[in-house]
Amino acid sequence: DIKLQMDYTSDRLDMKTAKYAAGYDAVCLFVNDTADTEALWVLSMGGVKFIAMRCAGFDRVDTKAAKAFGLTVSRVPAYSPYAVAEHAIALLMTVNRKIHTASVRVKMANFSLDSGLLGMDIHGKTVAVMGTGKIGQILCKIISGFGVNLLAYDVFESDEVKSLGGKYVSKEEIYKQSDVIFLMMPLLQATRHTINEEVLPMLKKGVILI
């Protein structure tokens, strides 16, 4: 039988807290931990051999350093892609229809109506999904039900997205045409700062970014 001894801490991993793992075989990290080169060096010097990420993303781990220090890294292969895609739609409707503002007003017994609560019809608008992996494809299915003009961008084009009427275009075309843009790409060096000071002037006024 395998016997495991597990200890817990509320401290986030960084170069200073990594020393607390000395003597342990493995550490379990989350999205707010920083497993950079310095932190990984301290972990490896303390005897840690295995890093288990309890999330799908691994952008917080310097994988090259982990390999150099002899550390094995694992991650959650996938969350429910439906949950993430549906939540993205919930965010869109919340921002567009000012649901968060209206909710606060109701709690304050303020039932006034004014233009600050107005949104727009999503039907007929141009919606772009940047990143059409599992989550992005499901999002395309959902948003197409709103009757939108669907644009997409990905280094690998999806036949399923095309079958929904989605049109793959360049990033520049998406920036110029879209009323709503969903960023559904993994955080990699190539996708970091996709929306930056050079892109902002290209966007339509009032565009919604999710």
C-alpha atoms as a PDB file:
ATOM      1  CA  ASP A   1       0.000   0.000   0.000  1.00  0.00           C
ATOM      2  CA  ILE A   2       1.107   3.509  -0.780  1.00  0.00           C
ATOM      3  CA  LYS A   3       1.152   5.808   2.219  1.00  0.00           C
ATOM      4  CA  LEU A   4       1.013   9.530   1.664  1.00  0.00           C
ATOM      5  CA  GLN A   5       1.800  12.275   4.112  1.00  0.00           C
ATOM      6  CA  MET A   6       0.252  15.577   3.069  1.00  0.00           C
ATOM      7  CA  ASP A   7       0.736  18.961   4.695  1.00  0.00           C
ATOM      8  CA  TYR A   8      -1.019  22.174   3.734  1.00  0.00           C
ATOM      9  CA  THR A   9      -0.012  25.811   3.707  1.00  0.00           C
ATOM     10  CA  SER A  10      -1.738  29.052   2.785  1.00  0.00           C
ATOM     11  CA  ASP A  11       1.548  30.522   1.532  1.00  0.00           C
ATOM     12  CA  ARG A  12       1.937  31.030  -2.206  1.00  0.00           C
ATOM     13  CA  LEU A  13       4.999  29.522  -3.807  1.00  0.00           C
ATOM     14  CA  ASP A  14       7.823  31.859  -4.714  1.00  0.00           C
ATOM     15  CA  MET A  15      11.576  31.950  -4.249  1.00  0.00           C
ATOM     16  CA  LYS A  16      11.209  32.802  -0.532  1.00  0.00           C
ATOM     17  CA  THR A  17       8.544  30.232   0.395  1.00  0.00           C
ATOM     18  CA  ALA A  18       9.983  27.366  -1.676  1.00  0.00           C
ATOM     19  CA  LYS A  19      12.302  26.483   1.213  1.00  0.00           C
ATOM     20  CA  TYR A  20       9.277  25.311   3.231  1.00  0.00           C
ATOM     21  CA  ALA A  21       9.033  22.301   0.895  1.00  0.00           C
ATOM     22  CA  ALA A  22      12.484  21.001   1.867  1.00  0.00           C
ATOM     23  CA  GLY A  23      12.293  17.290   2.593  1.00  0.00           C
ATOM     24  CA  TYR A  24       9.109  16.719   0.630  1.00  0.00           C
ATOM     25  CA  ASP A  25       8.971  14.607  -2.526  1.00  0.00           C
ATOM     26  CA  ALA A  26       6.299  16.672  -4.258  1.00  0.00           C
ATOM     27  CA  VAL A  27       4.441  19.956  -4.147  1.00  0.00           C
ATOM     28  CA  CYS A  28       0.944  20.772  -5.420  1.00  0.00           C
ATOM     29  CA  LEU A  29       0.528  24.233  -6.936  1.00  0.00           C
ATOM     30  CA  PHE A  30      -2.265  26.429  -8.235  1.00  0.00           C
ATOM     31  CA  VAL A  31      -2.663  29.383 -10.604  1.00  0.00           C
ATOM     32  CA  ASN A  32      -1.373  31.991  -8.147  1.00  0.00           C
ATOM     33  CA  ASP A  33       1.893  30.228  -7.368  1.00  0.00           C
ATOM     34  CA  THR A  34       5.130  31.345  -9.008  1.00  0.00           C
ATOM     35  CA  ALA A  35       7.303  28.444 -10.107  1.00  0.00           C
ATOM     36  CA  ASP A  36      10.009  30.469 -11.812  1.00  0.00           C
ATOM     37  CA  THR A  37      13.657  29.475 -12.179  1.00  0.00           C
ATOM     38  CA  GLU A  38      14.633  30.699  -8.714  1.00  0.00           C
ATOM     39  CA  ALA A  39      11.727  28.972  -6.944  1.00  0.00           C
ATOM     40  CA  LEU A  40      12.316  25.721  -8.836  1.00  0.00           C
ATOM     41  CA  TRP A  41      16.015  25.788  -7.943  1.00  0.00           C
ATOM     42  CA  VAL A  42      15.147  26.066  -4.250  1.00  0.00           C
ATOM     43  CA  LEU A  43      12.613  23.228  -4.572  1.00  0.00           C
ATOM     44  CA  SER A  44      15.096  20.946  -6.293  1.00  0.00           C
ATOM     45  CA  MET A  45      17.790  21.690  -3.718  1.00  0.00           C
ATOM     46  CA  GLY A  46      15.291  20.736  -1.032  1.00  0.00           C
ATOM     47  CA  GLY A  47      14.687  17.326  -2.573  1.00  0.00           C
ATOM     48  CA  VAL A  48      11.414  17.963  -4.409  1.00  0.00           C
ATOM     49  CA  LYS A  49      11.072  15.793  -7.514  1.00  0.00           C
ATOM     50  CA  PHE A  50       7.480  16.285  -8.613  1.00  0.00           C
ATOM     51  CA  ILE A  51       5.205  19.301  -9.198  1.00  0.00           C
ATOM     52  CA  ALA A  52       1.466  18.651  -9.531  1.00  0.00           C
ATOM     53  CA  MET A  53      -0.522  21.559 -10.936  1.00  0.00           C
ATOM     54  CA  ARG A  54      -4.150  21.399  -9.840  1.00  0.00           C
ATOM     55  CA  CYS A  55      -5.184  23.431 -12.877  1.00  0.00           C
ATOM     56  CA  ALA A  56      -5.020  23.086 -16.647  1.00  0.00           C
ATOM     57  CA  GLY A  57      -2.635  25.982 -17.218  1.00  0.00           C
ATOM     58  CA  PHE A  58       1.091  25.697 -16.632  1.00  0.00           C
ATOM     59  CA  ASP A  59       2.241  29.170 -17.649  1.00  0.00           C
ATOM     60  CA  ARG A  60       3.299  29.796 -14.040  1.00  0.00           C
ATOM     61  CA  VAL A  61       5.923  27.055 -14.310  1.00  0.00           C
ATOM     62  CA  ASP A  62       9.260  27.575 -16.022  1.00  0.00           C
ATOM     63  CA  THR A  63       9.184  24.202 -17.766  1.00  0.00           C
ATOM     64  CA  LYS A  64      12.695  24.529 -19.168  1.00  0.00           C
ATOM     65  CA  ALA A  65      14.084  25.149 -15.699  1.00  0.00           C
ATOM     66  CA  ALA A  66      12.018  22.286 -14.298  1.00  0.00           C
ATOM     67  CA  LYS A  67      13.543  19.904 -16.847  1.00  0.00           C
ATOM     68  CA  ALA A  68      17.030  21.203 -16.128  1.00  0.00           C
ATOM     69  CA  PHE A  69      16.561  20.621 -12.398  1.00  0.00           C
ATOM     70  CA  GLY A  70      15.113  17.120 -12.887  1.00  0.00           C
ATOM     71  CA  LEU A  71      11.580  18.049 -11.834  1.00  0.00           C
ATOM     72  CA  THR A  72       8.542  16.300 -13.307  1.00  0.00           C
ATOM     73  CA  VAL A  73       5.497  18.524 -13.872  1.00  0.00           C
ATOM     74  CA  SER A  74       1.916  17.340 -14.290  1.00  0.00           C
ATOM     75  CA  ARG A  75      -1.323  19.248 -14.801  1.00  0.00           C
ATOM     76  CA  VAL A  76      -5.072  18.736 -15.021  1.00  0.00           C
ATOM     77  CA  PRO A  77      -5.613  17.662 -18.661  1.00  0.00           C
ATOM     78  CA  ALA A  78      -8.920  19.534 -18.986  1.00  0.00           C
ATOM     79  CA  TYR A  79     -11.788  21.099 -17.119  1.00  0.00           C
ATOM     80  CA  SER A  80     -15.324  20.836 -18.409  1.00  0.00           C
ATOM     81  CA  PRO A  81     -15.042  22.875 -21.618  1.00  0.00           C
ATOM     82  CA  TYR A  82     -18.788  23.485 -21.440  1.00  0.00           C
ATOM     83  CA  ALA A  83     -18.494  25.140 -18.021  1.00  0.00           C
ATOM     84  CA  VAL A  84     -15.831  27.559 -19.248  1.00  0.00           C
ATOM     85  CA  ALA A  85     -17.619  28.372 -22.510  1.00  0.00           C
ATOM     86  CA  GLU A  86     -20.944  28.915 -20.723  1.00  0.00           C
ATOM     87  CA  HIS A  87     -19.246  31.142 -18.164  1.00  0.00           C
ATOM     88  CA  ALA A  88     -17.808  33.234 -20.995  1.00  0.00           C
ATOM     89  CA  ILE A  89     -21.349  33.768 -22.281  1.00  0.00           C
ATOM     90  CA  ALA A  90     -22.458  34.701 -18.748  1.00  0.00           C
ATOM     91  CA  LEU A  91     -19.697  37.309 -18.603  1.00  0.00           C
ATOM     92  CA  LEU A  92     -20.772  38.733 -21.946  1.00  0.00           C
ATOM     93  CA  MET A  93     -24.396  39.085 -20.881  1.00  0.00           C
ATOM     94  CA  THR A  94     -23.397  40.550 -17.517  1.00  0.00           C
ATOM     95  CA  VAL A  95     -21.203  43.227 -19.101  1.00  0.00           C
ATOM     96  CA  ASN A  96     -23.555  43.968 -21.998  1.00  0.00           C
ATOM     97  CA  ARG A  97     -26.784  44.139 -19.989  1.00  0.00           C
ATOM     98  CA  LYS A  98     -25.139  45.760 -16.924  1.00  0.00           C
ATOM     99  CA  ILE A  99     -26.457  42.972 -14.701  1.00  0.00           C
ATOM    100  CA  HIS A 100     -23.747  43.551 -12.095  1.00  0.00           C
ATOM    101  CA  THR A 101     -24.713  47.224 -11.786  1.00  0.00           C
ATOM    102  CA  ALA A 102     -28.430  46.476 -11.706  1.00  0.00           C
ATOM    103  CA  SER A 103     -27.902  43.865  -8.985  1.00  0.00           C
ATOM    104  CA  VAL A 104     -26.137  46.385  -6.739  1.00  0.00           C
ATOM    105  CA  ARG A 105     -28.897  48.925  -7.341  1.00  0.00           C
ATOM    106  CA  VAL A 106     -31.623  46.473  -6.377  1.00  0.00           C
ATOM    107  CA  LYS A 107     -29.804  45.617  -3.134  1.00  0.00           C
ATOM    108  CA  MET A 108     -29.834  49.351  -2.365  1.00  0.00           C
ATOM    109  CA  ALA A 109     -33.574  49.550  -3.167  1.00  0.00           C
ATOM    110  CA  ASN A 110     -32.757  51.683  -6.202  1.00  0.00           C
ATOM    111  CA  PHE A 111     -35.172  50.682  -8.952  1.00  0.00           C
ATOM    112  CA  SER A 112     -34.585  53.664 -11.219  1.00  0.00           C
ATOM    113  CA  LEU A 113     -34.196  53.165 -14.948  1.00  0.00           C
ATOM    114  CA  ASP A 114     -31.704  55.151 -16.984  1.00  0.00           C
ATOM    115  CA  SER A 115     -29.426  54.812 -19.988  1.00  0.00           C
ATOM    116  CA  GLY A 116     -26.622  53.492 -17.780  1.00  0.00           C
ATOM    117  CA  LEU A 117     -28.322  50.099 -17.777  1.00  0.00           C
ATOM    118  CA  LEU A 118     -28.819  49.846 -21.524  1.00  0.00           C
ATOM    119  CA  GLY A 119     -27.008  47.195 -23.516  1.00  0.00           C
ATOM    120  CA  MET A 120     -27.186  46.112 -27.133  1.00  0.00           C
ATOM    121  CA  ASP A 121     -28.696  43.214 -29.033  1.00  0.00           C
ATOM    122  CA  ILE A 122     -26.075  40.547 -29.638  1.00  0.00           C
ATOM    123  CA  HIS A 123     -28.159  39.327 -32.580  1.00  0.00           C
ATOM    124  CA  GLY A 124     -26.707  40.613 -35.823  1.00  0.00           C
ATOM    125  CA  LYS A 125     -23.437  41.732 -34.259  1.00  0.00           C
ATOM    126  CA  THR A 126     -19.974  40.603 -35.362  1.00  0.00           C
ATOM    127  CA  VAL A 127     -18.501  38.317 -32.706  1.00  0.00           C
ATOM    128  CA  ALA A 128     -14.955  36.964 -32.834  1.00  0.00           C
ATOM    129  CA  VAL A 129     -13.551  33.964 -31.001  1.00  0.00           C
ATOM    130  CA  MET A 130      -9.768  34.006 -30.828  1.00  0.00           C
ATOM    131  CA  GLY A 131      -8.694  30.492 -29.984  1.00  0.00           C
ATOM    132  CA  THR A 132     -10.896  27.658 -31.249  1.00  0.00           C
ATOM    133  CA  GLY A 133      -9.729  24.678 -29.261  1.00  0.00           C
ATOM    134  CA  LYS A 134     -12.219  22.577 -27.280  1.00  0.00           C
ATOM    135  CA  ILE A 135     -13.562  25.535 -25.304  1.00  0.00           C
ATOM    136  CA  GLY A 136     -13.533  27.891 -28.266  1.00  0.00           C
ATOM    137  CA  GLN A 137     -15.449  25.454 -30.462  1.00  0.00           C
ATOM    138  CA  ILE A 138     -18.177  25.018 -27.837  1.00  0.00           C
ATOM    139  CA  LEU A 139     -18.338  28.777 -27.411  1.00  0.00           C
ATOM    140  CA  CYS A 140     -18.809  29.146 -31.174  1.00  0.00           C
ATOM    141  CA  LYS A 141     -21.730  26.712 -31.026  1.00  0.00           C
ATOM    142  CA  ILE A 142     -23.403  28.674 -28.236  1.00  0.00           C
ATOM    143  CA  ILE A 143     -22.832  32.155 -29.624  1.00  0.00           C
ATOM    144  CA  SER A 144     -23.948  31.151 -33.116  1.00  0.00           C
ATOM    145  CA  GLY A 145     -27.386  30.572 -31.602  1.00  0.00           C
ATOM    146  CA  PHE A 146     -27.634  34.314 -31.012  1.00  0.00           C
ATOM    147  CA  GLY A 147     -27.621  34.918 -34.756  1.00  0.00           C
ATOM    148  CA  VAL A 148     -24.245  36.609 -34.986  1.00  0.00           C
ATOM    149  CA  ASN A 149     -21.693  37.109 -37.725  1.00  0.00           C
ATOM    150  CA  LEU A 150     -19.048  34.710 -36.417  1.00  0.00           C
ATOM    151  CA  LEU A 151     -15.349  35.360 -36.973  1.00  0.00           C
ATOM    152  CA  ALA A 152     -12.538  33.163 -35.700  1.00  0.00           C
ATOM    153  CA  TYR A 153      -8.788  33.100 -35.377  1.00  0.00           C
ATOM    154  CA  ASP A 154      -6.476  30.202 -34.570  1.00  0.00           C
ATOM    155  CA  VAL A 155      -3.247  28.767 -35.911  1.00  0.00           C
ATOM    156  CA  PHE A 156      -5.213  25.533 -36.439  1.00  0.00           C
ATOM    157  CA  GLU A 157      -8.544  26.073 -38.184  1.00  0.00           C
ATOM    158  CA  SER A 158     -11.511  23.977 -37.039  1.00  0.00           C
ATOM    159  CA  ASP A 159     -13.836  22.379 -39.576  1.00  0.00           C
ATOM    160  CA  GLU A 160     -16.539  22.341 -36.905  1.00  0.00           C
ATOM    161  CA  VAL A 161     -16.337  26.106 -36.505  1.00  0.00           C
ATOM    162  CA  LYS A 162     -16.522  26.493 -40.271  1.00  0.00           C
ATOM    163  CA  SER A 163     -19.608  24.256 -40.360  1.00  0.00           C
ATOM    164  CA  LEU A 164     -21.283  26.703 -37.973  1.00  0.00           C
ATOM    165  CA  GLY A 165     -20.720  29.498 -40.464  1.00  0.00           C
ATOM    166  CA  GLY A 166     -17.606  30.785 -38.756  1.00  0.00           C
ATOM    167  CA  LYS A 167     -15.073  32.541 -40.944  1.00  0.00           C
ATOM    168  CA  TYR A 168     -11.359  32.431 -40.141  1.00  0.00           C
ATOM    169  CA  VAL A 169      -9.720  35.803 -40.679  1.00  0.00           C
ATOM    170  CA  SER A 170      -6.555  37.612 -39.616  1.00  0.00           C
ATOM    171  CA  LYS A 171      -6.196  39.194 -36.191  1.00  0.00           C
ATOM    172  CA  GLU A 172      -6.214  42.611 -37.801  1.00  0.00           C
ATOM    173  CA  GLU A 173      -9.592  41.951 -39.430  1.00  0.00           C
ATOM    174  CA  ILE A 174     -10.994  40.793 -36.104  1.00  0.00           C
ATOM    175  CA  TYR A 175      -9.812  43.936 -34.343  1.00  0.00           C
ATOM    176  CA  LYS A 176     -11.376  46.212 -36.978  1.00  0.00           C
ATOM    177  CA  GLN A 177     -14.708  44.414 -37.467  1.00  0.00           C
ATOM    178  CA  SER A 178     -15.744  42.890 -34.140  1.00  0.00           C
ATOM    179  CA  ASP A 179     -18.343  44.175 -31.691  1.00  0.00           C
ATOM    180  CA  VAL A 180     -17.418  41.403 -29.242  1.00  0.00           C
ATOM    181  CA  ILE A 181     -14.088  39.586 -28.914  1.00  0.00           C
ATOM    182  CA  PHE A 182     -13.575  36.435 -26.871  1.00  0.00           C
ATOM    183  CA  LEU A 183      -9.954  35.624 -25.962  1.00  0.00           C
ATOM    184  CA  MET A 184      -9.926  31.834 -25.568  1.00  0.00           C
ATOM    185  CA  MET A 185      -6.247  31.090 -26.199  1.00  0.00           C
ATOM    186  CA  PRO A 186      -3.873  29.519 -23.697  1.00  0.00           C
ATOM    187  CA  LEU A 187      -1.475  31.978 -22.099  1.00  0.00           C
ATOM    188  CA  LEU A 188       1.765  31.417 -23.976  1.00  0.00           C
ATOM    189  CA  GLN A 189       4.572  33.759 -24.872  1.00  0.00           C
ATOM    190  CA  ALA A 190       3.064  34.126 -28.342  1.00  0.00           C
ATOM    191  CA  THR A 191      -0.370  35.073 -26.949  1.00  0.00           C
ATOM    192  CA  ARG A 192       0.732  37.257 -24.031  1.00  0.00           C
ATOM    193  CA  HIS A 193      -0.449  40.869 -24.426  1.00  0.00           C
ATOM    194  CA  THR A 194      -2.623  40.042 -27.426  1.00  0.00           C
ATOM    195  CA  ILE A 195      -4.513  43.249 -26.668  1.00  0.00           C
ATOM    196  CA  ASN A 196      -1.889  45.975 -26.347  1.00  0.00           C
ATOM    197  CA  GLU A 197      -1.384  49.682 -27.006  1.00  0.00           C
ATOM    198  CA  GLU A 198      -0.883  49.045 -30.706  1.00  0.00           C
ATOM    199  CA  VAL A 199      -4.108  47.028 -30.975  1.00  0.00           C
ATOM    200  CA  LEU A 200      -6.383  49.318 -28.943  1.00  0.00           C
ATOM    201  CA  PRO A 201      -6.644  52.057 -31.618  1.00  0.00           C
ATOM    202  CA  MET A 202      -7.705  49.390 -34.133  1.00  0.00           C
ATOM    203  CA  LEU A 203     -10.716  48.261 -32.096  1.00  0.00           C
ATOM    204  CA  LYS A 204     -14.249  49.480 -32.709  1.00  0.00           C
ATOM    205  CA  LYS A 205     -15.559  51.965 -30.185  1.00  0.00           C
ATOM    206  CA  GLY A 206     -17.517  50.182 -27.476  1.00  0.00           C
ATOM    207  CA  VAL A 207     -16.178  46.717 -28.300  1.00  0.00           C
ATOM    208  CA  ILE A 208     -16.677  44.160 -25.519  1.00  0.00           C
ATOM    209  CA  LEU A 209     -13.621  42.069 -24.590  1.00  0.00           C
ATOM    210  CA  ILE A 210     -14.173  38.766 -22.778  1.00  0.00           C
END
